N, C-alpha and C. Protein backbone atom coordinates (compact mmCIF):
# COMPACT_ATOMS: atom_id res chain seq x y z
N MET A 1 -3.48 -6.17 -64.09
CA MET A 1 -2.77 -5.80 -63.31
C MET A 1 -1.79 -5.02 -64.05
N GLY A 2 -1.68 -3.64 -64.19
CA GLY A 2 -1.06 -2.89 -64.90
C GLY A 2 0.55 -3.02 -64.46
N TRP A 3 1.19 -3.16 -63.42
CA TRP A 3 1.99 -2.89 -62.87
C TRP A 3 2.84 -4.73 -63.10
N VAL A 4 1.99 -5.40 -62.91
CA VAL A 4 2.71 -6.71 -63.25
C VAL A 4 2.61 -6.97 -64.67
N SER A 5 1.94 -6.56 -65.75
CA SER A 5 2.16 -6.42 -67.26
C SER A 5 3.81 -5.99 -67.42
N HIS A 6 3.80 -4.80 -66.48
CA HIS A 6 5.16 -3.62 -67.04
C HIS A 6 6.25 -4.79 -66.37
N LEU A 7 6.10 -5.36 -65.62
CA LEU A 7 7.19 -6.37 -64.93
C LEU A 7 7.29 -7.32 -66.32
N LYS A 8 6.49 -7.87 -66.16
CA LYS A 8 6.63 -8.96 -67.72
C LYS A 8 6.96 -8.48 -69.02
N ASP A 9 6.54 -7.35 -69.44
CA ASP A 9 6.88 -6.85 -70.58
C ASP A 9 8.65 -6.54 -70.44
N ALA A 10 9.16 -6.42 -69.16
CA ALA A 10 10.61 -6.11 -68.84
C ALA A 10 11.27 -7.28 -68.98
N GLY A 11 10.83 -8.81 -68.83
CA GLY A 11 11.41 -9.67 -69.09
C GLY A 11 11.56 -10.16 -67.45
N PHE A 12 10.57 -10.00 -66.50
CA PHE A 12 10.91 -10.58 -65.49
C PHE A 12 9.56 -11.48 -65.30
N THR A 13 10.01 -13.08 -64.49
CA THR A 13 8.78 -13.90 -64.23
C THR A 13 8.10 -13.26 -63.15
N VAL A 14 6.63 -13.39 -63.17
CA VAL A 14 6.27 -12.93 -62.02
C VAL A 14 4.93 -14.08 -61.53
N LYS A 15 5.17 -14.12 -60.48
CA LYS A 15 4.23 -14.96 -59.76
C LYS A 15 3.32 -14.16 -58.62
N THR A 16 1.58 -13.98 -58.72
CA THR A 16 1.18 -13.06 -58.22
C THR A 16 0.17 -14.19 -56.88
N THR A 17 -0.49 -13.72 -55.73
CA THR A 17 -0.67 -14.29 -54.88
C THR A 17 -1.64 -13.34 -54.10
N ASP A 18 -2.99 -13.52 -54.13
CA ASP A 18 -3.79 -12.61 -53.85
C ASP A 18 -4.18 -12.67 -52.48
N VAL A 19 -3.81 -12.24 -51.17
CA VAL A 19 -4.35 -12.19 -49.84
C VAL A 19 -5.21 -11.62 -49.34
N PRO A 20 -6.35 -11.51 -48.35
CA PRO A 20 -7.11 -10.85 -47.80
C PRO A 20 -6.96 -9.81 -47.07
N ASP A 21 -5.19 -10.15 -46.27
CA ASP A 21 -4.82 -8.68 -45.60
C ASP A 21 -2.91 -8.51 -45.97
N VAL A 22 -2.59 -7.34 -46.69
CA VAL A 22 -1.38 -7.59 -46.99
C VAL A 22 -0.47 -6.97 -45.95
N THR A 23 -1.35 -6.02 -45.03
CA THR A 23 -0.50 -5.87 -43.90
C THR A 23 0.88 -6.74 -43.16
N PRO A 24 0.56 -7.96 -42.98
CA PRO A 24 1.24 -8.74 -42.44
C PRO A 24 2.49 -8.76 -43.31
N ILE A 25 2.54 -9.05 -44.36
CA ILE A 25 3.47 -9.50 -45.47
C ILE A 25 4.38 -8.28 -45.63
N LYS A 26 4.01 -7.18 -45.15
CA LYS A 26 4.69 -5.68 -45.36
C LYS A 26 5.62 -5.67 -44.44
N THR A 27 4.76 -5.97 -42.86
CA THR A 27 5.53 -5.84 -41.84
C THR A 27 6.46 -6.66 -41.52
N GLU A 28 6.49 -8.26 -41.85
CA GLU A 28 7.37 -9.24 -41.77
C GLU A 28 8.27 -8.80 -42.47
N ASN A 29 8.68 -8.46 -43.74
CA ASN A 29 9.24 -7.90 -44.54
C ASN A 29 10.26 -6.49 -44.42
N GLY A 30 9.90 -5.76 -43.25
CA GLY A 30 10.40 -4.61 -42.95
C GLY A 30 10.38 -3.44 -43.49
N ILE A 31 8.85 -3.25 -44.42
CA ILE A 31 8.99 -2.31 -44.74
C ILE A 31 8.11 -1.14 -44.06
N PRO A 32 8.60 -0.13 -43.98
CA PRO A 32 8.18 1.15 -43.17
C PRO A 32 7.00 1.68 -43.90
N GLN A 33 6.01 1.56 -42.21
CA GLN A 33 4.62 1.97 -42.70
C GLN A 33 4.80 3.31 -43.71
N ARG A 34 5.65 4.58 -43.58
CA ARG A 34 5.23 5.65 -44.22
C ARG A 34 5.94 5.48 -45.83
N VAL A 35 6.16 4.18 -46.18
CA VAL A 35 6.12 3.88 -47.82
C VAL A 35 5.55 2.85 -48.38
N PHE A 36 4.08 2.49 -47.37
CA PHE A 36 3.57 1.33 -48.09
C PHE A 36 2.78 2.09 -49.15
N SER A 37 2.45 0.75 -49.60
CA SER A 37 1.72 0.83 -51.30
C SER A 37 0.85 -0.31 -51.51
N CYS A 38 0.35 -0.43 -52.72
CA CYS A 38 -0.34 -1.34 -52.88
C CYS A 38 0.16 -2.96 -53.29
N HIS A 39 1.26 -2.81 -53.49
CA HIS A 39 1.71 -4.25 -54.03
C HIS A 39 3.28 -4.49 -53.52
N THR A 40 3.47 -5.61 -53.18
CA THR A 40 4.54 -5.74 -52.45
C THR A 40 5.09 -7.22 -52.92
N ALA A 41 6.74 -7.12 -53.14
CA ALA A 41 7.31 -7.94 -54.04
C ALA A 41 8.54 -8.29 -53.27
N LEU A 42 8.82 -9.58 -53.67
CA LEU A 42 10.43 -10.23 -53.01
C LEU A 42 10.69 -10.26 -53.88
N VAL A 43 11.90 -9.72 -54.60
CA VAL A 43 12.82 -10.26 -55.74
C VAL A 43 14.51 -10.50 -55.01
N ASP A 44 15.21 -11.75 -55.51
CA ASP A 44 16.30 -11.57 -55.00
C ASP A 44 17.06 -11.45 -53.87
N GLY A 45 16.19 -11.38 -52.90
CA GLY A 45 16.33 -11.08 -51.57
C GLY A 45 16.30 -9.39 -51.37
N TYR A 46 15.22 -8.69 -52.06
CA TYR A 46 15.04 -7.92 -52.00
C TYR A 46 13.46 -7.49 -51.84
N VAL A 47 12.85 -5.99 -51.21
CA VAL A 47 11.49 -6.17 -51.27
C VAL A 47 11.29 -5.00 -51.99
N ILE A 48 9.94 -5.15 -52.91
CA ILE A 48 9.90 -3.98 -53.63
C ILE A 48 8.41 -4.12 -53.42
N GLU A 49 8.14 -2.66 -53.07
CA GLU A 49 7.00 -1.78 -52.47
C GLU A 49 6.19 -0.78 -53.75
N GLY A 50 4.79 -1.09 -53.92
CA GLY A 50 4.63 -0.34 -55.23
C GLY A 50 4.75 -0.23 -56.36
N HIS A 51 4.45 0.60 -57.22
CA HIS A 51 4.43 0.62 -58.67
C HIS A 51 6.32 1.21 -59.45
N VAL A 52 7.11 0.28 -58.65
CA VAL A 52 8.18 0.31 -58.78
C VAL A 52 8.50 0.13 -60.66
N PRO A 53 9.54 0.76 -60.81
CA PRO A 53 9.45 0.94 -62.65
C PRO A 53 10.41 0.09 -62.65
N ALA A 54 10.62 -1.40 -63.76
CA ALA A 54 11.28 -2.37 -63.70
C ALA A 54 12.70 -1.74 -64.05
N GLU A 55 13.03 -0.73 -64.51
CA GLU A 55 14.29 -0.38 -64.61
C GLU A 55 15.18 -0.06 -63.11
N ASP A 56 14.23 0.63 -62.15
CA ASP A 56 14.70 0.81 -60.54
C ASP A 56 14.85 -0.55 -60.45
N ILE A 57 13.80 -1.81 -60.37
CA ILE A 57 14.08 -2.88 -59.95
C ILE A 57 16.02 -3.51 -60.59
N GLU A 58 16.03 -3.41 -62.09
CA GLU A 58 17.16 -3.95 -62.59
C GLU A 58 18.03 -3.21 -62.32
N ARG A 59 18.15 -2.06 -62.04
CA ARG A 59 19.32 -1.27 -61.29
C ARG A 59 19.60 -1.63 -60.09
N LEU A 60 18.76 -1.90 -59.35
CA LEU A 60 19.06 -2.45 -57.62
C LEU A 60 19.80 -3.72 -57.53
N LEU A 61 19.25 -4.36 -58.65
CA LEU A 61 19.61 -6.09 -58.54
C LEU A 61 21.35 -5.86 -59.38
N ARG A 62 21.22 -5.20 -60.40
CA ARG A 62 22.79 -4.43 -60.55
C ARG A 62 23.57 -4.25 -59.42
N GLU A 63 23.44 -3.04 -59.09
CA GLU A 63 24.13 -2.34 -57.96
C GLU A 63 24.44 -2.99 -56.38
N ARG A 64 23.18 -4.03 -56.24
CA ARG A 64 22.95 -4.40 -54.77
C ARG A 64 23.44 -3.94 -53.39
N PRO A 65 22.40 -2.82 -53.51
CA PRO A 65 22.99 -1.93 -52.36
C PRO A 65 22.58 -2.70 -51.06
N ASP A 66 23.24 -2.58 -49.91
CA ASP A 66 23.29 -2.87 -48.61
C ASP A 66 21.71 -2.33 -48.10
N ILE A 67 20.29 -2.86 -48.77
CA ILE A 67 19.38 -2.03 -48.21
C ILE A 67 18.56 -2.93 -48.24
N THR A 68 17.24 -2.97 -47.45
CA THR A 68 15.98 -3.76 -47.60
C THR A 68 15.19 -4.00 -48.80
N GLY A 69 15.04 -2.83 -49.31
CA GLY A 69 14.08 -2.73 -50.66
C GLY A 69 14.09 -1.35 -51.20
N ILE A 70 13.22 -1.39 -52.18
CA ILE A 70 13.06 0.23 -52.46
C ILE A 70 11.13 0.36 -52.88
N SER A 71 10.62 1.41 -52.67
CA SER A 71 8.91 1.48 -52.46
C SER A 71 8.78 2.67 -53.67
N VAL A 72 7.55 2.77 -54.32
CA VAL A 72 7.16 3.73 -54.41
C VAL A 72 5.94 4.18 -53.70
N PRO A 73 5.73 5.02 -52.61
CA PRO A 73 4.72 5.30 -51.81
C PRO A 73 3.52 5.76 -52.64
N GLY A 74 2.62 5.16 -52.42
CA GLY A 74 1.27 5.76 -52.43
C GLY A 74 0.80 4.85 -54.01
N MET A 75 0.13 5.41 -55.52
CA MET A 75 -0.06 5.10 -56.20
C MET A 75 -0.29 6.17 -57.20
N PRO A 76 0.96 6.79 -57.47
CA PRO A 76 1.29 7.86 -58.25
C PRO A 76 0.76 7.98 -59.75
N VAL A 77 0.01 8.80 -60.40
CA VAL A 77 -0.36 8.68 -61.72
C VAL A 77 0.89 8.98 -62.36
N GLY A 78 1.28 8.28 -63.22
CA GLY A 78 2.63 8.08 -64.31
C GLY A 78 3.46 6.89 -64.22
N ALA A 79 3.14 6.45 -62.42
CA ALA A 79 4.15 4.99 -62.47
C ALA A 79 3.64 3.57 -63.21
N PRO A 80 4.47 2.98 -63.51
CA PRO A 80 4.30 2.16 -64.21
C PRO A 80 3.17 1.60 -63.34
N GLY A 81 1.88 0.96 -64.37
CA GLY A 81 0.48 0.55 -64.11
C GLY A 81 -0.69 1.20 -63.49
N MET A 82 -0.29 2.76 -63.12
CA MET A 82 -0.87 3.79 -62.90
C MET A 82 -0.81 4.62 -64.33
N GLU A 83 -0.87 4.56 -65.23
CA GLU A 83 -0.66 5.39 -66.54
C GLU A 83 -2.28 6.44 -66.30
N GLY A 84 -2.00 7.45 -66.97
CA GLY A 84 -3.34 8.26 -67.13
C GLY A 84 -3.06 9.59 -67.28
N PRO A 85 -4.10 10.47 -67.31
CA PRO A 85 -3.84 11.98 -67.54
C PRO A 85 -2.78 12.89 -66.55
N ASN A 86 -2.60 13.98 -67.02
CA ASN A 86 -1.44 14.26 -66.07
C ASN A 86 -0.60 13.61 -65.24
N PRO A 87 0.32 12.92 -65.13
CA PRO A 87 1.39 12.34 -64.76
C PRO A 87 1.62 13.03 -63.95
N GLN A 88 2.59 12.27 -62.78
CA GLN A 88 3.31 13.61 -61.75
C GLN A 88 4.51 13.11 -61.51
N GLU A 89 5.81 14.03 -61.38
CA GLU A 89 6.74 13.04 -60.74
C GLU A 89 6.84 12.41 -59.37
N PHE A 90 7.46 11.16 -59.62
CA PHE A 90 7.57 10.89 -58.18
C PHE A 90 8.93 10.24 -57.79
N ALA A 91 8.99 9.55 -56.76
CA ALA A 91 10.40 9.18 -56.37
C ALA A 91 10.05 7.82 -55.89
N VAL A 92 11.39 7.22 -55.86
CA VAL A 92 11.49 5.43 -55.49
C VAL A 92 12.22 5.50 -54.40
N ILE A 93 11.74 5.16 -53.34
CA ILE A 93 12.80 5.33 -52.01
C ILE A 93 13.52 4.14 -51.48
N SER A 94 14.28 4.26 -50.99
CA SER A 94 15.17 3.08 -50.57
C SER A 94 14.87 2.65 -49.01
N PHE A 95 15.25 1.79 -48.52
CA PHE A 95 15.05 1.70 -47.19
C PHE A 95 15.67 0.43 -46.92
N ASP A 96 16.36 0.46 -45.45
CA ASP A 96 17.00 -0.59 -44.74
C ASP A 96 15.89 -0.55 -43.16
N ASP A 97 16.92 -1.87 -42.74
CA ASP A 97 16.59 -2.62 -41.69
C ASP A 97 16.05 -1.71 -40.61
N ASP A 98 17.04 -0.46 -40.40
CA ASP A 98 16.90 0.27 -39.08
C ASP A 98 15.53 1.25 -39.60
N GLY A 99 15.19 1.53 -40.86
CA GLY A 99 13.82 2.30 -41.11
C GLY A 99 14.51 3.66 -41.72
N GLN A 100 15.86 3.44 -41.80
CA GLN A 100 16.30 4.86 -42.98
C GLN A 100 16.18 4.50 -44.16
N MET A 101 15.76 5.87 -44.96
CA MET A 101 14.84 5.95 -46.06
C MET A 101 15.53 7.14 -46.84
N THR A 102 16.14 6.73 -48.10
CA THR A 102 16.62 7.88 -49.07
C THR A 102 15.73 7.72 -50.00
N VAL A 103 16.26 9.01 -51.38
CA VAL A 103 15.64 8.65 -52.44
C VAL A 103 16.67 7.47 -53.45
N PHE A 104 16.35 6.97 -53.91
CA PHE A 104 16.94 6.58 -55.15
C PHE A 104 16.61 6.66 -55.92
N ALA A 105 15.59 6.88 -56.46
CA ALA A 105 15.55 7.38 -58.28
C ALA A 105 14.11 8.61 -58.12
N THR A 106 14.11 9.51 -58.90
CA THR A 106 13.35 10.27 -59.35
C THR A 106 12.58 10.00 -60.83
N HIS A 107 11.53 10.09 -60.87
CA HIS A 107 10.88 10.31 -62.50
C HIS A 107 10.08 11.18 -62.35
N THR A 108 10.06 11.92 -63.57
CA THR A 108 9.27 13.44 -63.97
C THR A 108 8.74 12.72 -65.58
N PRO A 109 7.82 13.38 -65.95
CA PRO A 109 7.08 13.00 -66.76
C PRO A 109 7.52 13.52 -68.18
């Protein structure tokens, strides 16, 4: 898993659990359906959804905003673990318990 390797390379300790249906984990942790992706992680009180770059997780943990978590919706080429030809610009979206979403960071190739 490329994203897990990316996080380990950045110094995170990662424990993975494969489940047959990820939807209950996403809904139980307050992830708005509009920002669902493939991976869900729980890090120090925050929810991380999708191929979020380690630098954005580090910033989240440093700044500790009053949000539920951050997400990279979908699986954009160029996000960590999704490397490939023709990388795309992508956004990291923050979300809170009320479903409010804002751009947390943008990444350009």
